[in-house]
Structure formats: C-alpha cells, structure tokens
Amino acid sequence: MDKPEIIGYFINRLEEGEEVNPSNIFVAISEKFNNNGYMTSYSPTCQHSALSKTYLAECQRITKAEYIRISKGIYTPEEYL
C-alpha cells in the first residue's frame, strides 16, 4: 500500500477552557476532495471521518511530535505518522 500524503496534524476548534487531549486532535489526509468538498481525517479516538476544507481552515496546525505526545500512545496507523 502506498503511503498517503499527509496534509498535517491539527487540533480541532476548542471551546474556551477546553483542554487539548487525544479526542480533539487529528491527521488530515490528502485523498482529493470528493464532490461534496470533503476529505479524510483520522483521530486516535474517533478514527476515520469526513473533513471539510472550511473546517480544516479553522483548526490549529501542530507538529507530528506534538500529535504523538498528545495522543498518549493511542493507536494511529503507521502510514499516518
């Protein structure tokens, strides 16, 4: 299997006072936006889901090292790291 193109690692929009944790980080995966304008994301707790370009623009980019630290060892497929 070819390694997918990773757009980056991100933190979801957070509510005021909300802590960063494994449930609000994700990997954005380049798989060409479909006709509805969605792509794929992967979160350690929610796994794969649809991601809009609009929502992605509202999220905070983090480094891969930060993603790994925040995920606290919860499984992420190797091809996304």
C-alpha atoms as a PDB file:
ATOM      1  CA  MET A   1       0.000   0.000   0.000  1.00  0.00           C
ATOM      2  CA  ASP A   2       1.320   3.429  -0.908  1.00  0.00           C
ATOM      3  CA  LYS A   3       1.776   5.862   1.933  1.00  0.00           C
ATOM      4  CA  PRO A   4      -0.949   8.537   1.758  1.00  0.00           C
ATOM      5  CA  GLU A   5       0.019  12.204   1.500  1.00  0.00           C
ATOM      6  CA  ILE A   6      -0.375  13.769   4.925  1.00  0.00           C
ATOM      7  CA  ILE A   7      -1.542  17.386   4.852  1.00  0.00           C
ATOM      8  CA  GLY A   8      -0.733  17.867   8.513  1.00  0.00           C
ATOM      9  CA  TYR A   9      -1.604  17.338  12.141  1.00  0.00           C
ATOM     10  CA  PHE A  10      -4.238  19.522  13.786  1.00  0.00           C
ATOM     11  CA  ILE A  11      -6.191  20.390  16.924  1.00  0.00           C
ATOM     12  CA  ASN A  12      -9.955  20.764  16.486  1.00  0.00           C
ATOM     13  CA  ARG A  13     -11.598  24.073  17.310  1.00  0.00           C
ATOM     14  CA  LEU A  14     -11.744  24.186  21.082  1.00  0.00           C
ATOM     15  CA  GLU A  15     -14.299  25.808  23.337  1.00  0.00           C
ATOM     16  CA  GLU A  16     -12.962  28.307  25.845  1.00  0.00           C
ATOM     17  CA  GLY A  17     -11.269  26.430  28.687  1.00  0.00           C
ATOM     18  CA  GLU A  18     -11.307  23.089  26.833  1.00  0.00           C
ATOM     19  CA  GLU A  19      -8.114  21.057  27.258  1.00  0.00           C
ATOM     20  CA  VAL A  20      -6.211  19.528  24.358  1.00  0.00           C
ATOM     21  CA  ASN A  21      -6.449  15.725  24.539  1.00  0.00           C
ATOM     22  CA  PRO A  22      -6.450  12.694  22.204  1.00  0.00           C
ATOM     23  CA  SER A  23     -10.122  13.207  21.317  1.00  0.00           C
ATOM     24  CA  ASN A  24      -9.573  16.614  19.741  1.00  0.00           C
ATOM     25  CA  ILE A  25      -6.524  16.053  17.534  1.00  0.00           C
ATOM     26  CA  PHE A  26      -6.448  14.594  14.037  1.00  0.00           C
ATOM     27  CA  VAL A  27      -4.357  13.886  10.947  1.00  0.00           C
ATOM     28  CA  ALA A  28      -5.597  15.443   7.682  1.00  0.00           C
ATOM     29  CA  ILE A  29      -5.057  13.009   4.807  1.00  0.00           C
ATOM     30  CA  SER A  30      -4.911  14.113   1.169  1.00  0.00           C
ATOM     31  CA  GLU A  31      -7.272  11.954  -0.809  1.00  0.00           C
ATOM     32  CA  LYS A  32      -8.615  14.518  -3.277  1.00  0.00           C
ATOM     33  CA  PHE A  33     -11.730  16.310  -2.087  1.00  0.00           C
ATOM     34  CA  ASN A  34     -14.866  14.482  -3.217  1.00  0.00           C
ATOM     35  CA  ASN A  35     -17.768  16.227  -4.961  1.00  0.00           C
ATOM     36  CA  ASN A  36     -19.140  17.456  -1.660  1.00  0.00           C
ATOM     37  CA  GLY A  37     -15.817  19.077  -0.713  1.00  0.00           C
ATOM     38  CA  TYR A  38     -14.779  16.566   1.949  1.00  0.00           C
ATOM     39  CA  MET A  39     -11.548  14.682   2.552  1.00  0.00           C
ATOM     40  CA  THR A  40     -10.469  12.108   5.160  1.00  0.00           C
ATOM     41  CA  SER A  41      -9.174  12.726   8.654  1.00  0.00           C
ATOM     42  CA  TYR A  42      -8.010  10.302  11.332  1.00  0.00           C
ATOM     43  CA  SER A  43      -8.337  10.847  15.083  1.00  0.00           C
ATOM     44  CA  PRO A  44      -6.884   8.457  17.686  1.00  0.00           C
ATOM     45  CA  THR A  45     -10.272   8.211  19.422  1.00  0.00           C
ATOM     46  CA  CYS A  46     -12.778   8.645  16.552  1.00  0.00           C
ATOM     47  CA  GLN A  47     -10.718   7.001  13.806  1.00  0.00           C
ATOM     48  CA  HIS A  48     -11.637   7.919  10.196  1.00  0.00           C
ATOM     49  CA  SER A  49     -14.138  10.647   9.408  1.00  0.00           C
ATOM     50  CA  ALA A  50     -15.012  13.220   6.774  1.00  0.00           C
ATOM     51  CA  LEU A  51     -13.293  16.606   6.937  1.00  0.00           C
ATOM     52  CA  SER A  52     -14.288  19.769   5.090  1.00  0.00           C
ATOM     53  CA  LYS A  53     -11.766  22.265   3.793  1.00  0.00           C
ATOM     54  CA  THR A  54     -13.697  25.008   5.626  1.00  0.00           C
ATOM     55  CA  TYR A  55     -13.410  23.237   8.986  1.00  0.00           C
ATOM     56  CA  LEU A  56      -9.736  22.447   8.421  1.00  0.00           C
ATOM     57  CA  ALA A  57      -9.019  26.172   7.953  1.00  0.00           C
ATOM     58  CA  GLU A  58     -10.438  26.812  11.441  1.00  0.00           C
ATOM     59  CA  CYS A  59      -8.188  24.271  13.169  1.00  0.00           C
ATOM     60  CA  GLN A  60      -4.742  24.806  14.675  1.00  0.00           C
ATOM     61  CA  ARG A  61      -1.809  23.075  12.979  1.00  0.00           C
ATOM     62  CA  ILE A  62       0.569  21.166  15.264  1.00  0.00           C
ATOM     63  CA  THR A  63       3.745  19.190  14.615  1.00  0.00           C
ATOM     64  CA  LYS A  64       3.870  15.422  14.250  1.00  0.00           C
ATOM     65  CA  ALA A  65       5.816  15.273  17.533  1.00  0.00           C
ATOM     66  CA  GLU A  66       3.045  17.226  19.291  1.00  0.00           C
ATOM     67  CA  TYR A  67       0.408  14.914  17.786  1.00  0.00           C
ATOM     68  CA  ILE A  68       2.290  11.846  19.057  1.00  0.00           C
ATOM     69  CA  ARG A  69       2.686  13.378  22.536  1.00  0.00           C
ATOM     70  CA  ILE A  70      -0.965  14.445  22.798  1.00  0.00           C
ATOM     71  CA  SER A  71      -2.231  11.077  21.510  1.00  0.00           C
ATOM     72  CA  LYS A  72      -0.696   9.428  24.603  1.00  0.00           C
ATOM     73  CA  GLY A  73       0.099   6.213  22.775  1.00  0.00           C
ATOM     74  CA  ILE A  74      -3.408   5.625  21.430  1.00  0.00           C
ATOM     75  CA  TYR A  75      -3.096   3.811  18.121  1.00  0.00           C
ATOM     76  CA  THR A  76      -2.600   5.752  14.886  1.00  0.00           C
ATOM     77  CA  PRO A  77      -1.781   3.783  11.712  1.00  0.00           C
ATOM     78  CA  GLU A  78       1.949   3.908  10.933  1.00  0.00           C
ATOM     79  CA  GLU A  79       1.272   5.264   7.436  1.00  0.00           C
ATOM     80  CA  TYR A  80      -0.186   8.426   9.015  1.00  0.00           C
ATOM     81  CA  LEU A  81       2.898   9.144  11.102  1.00  0.00           C
END
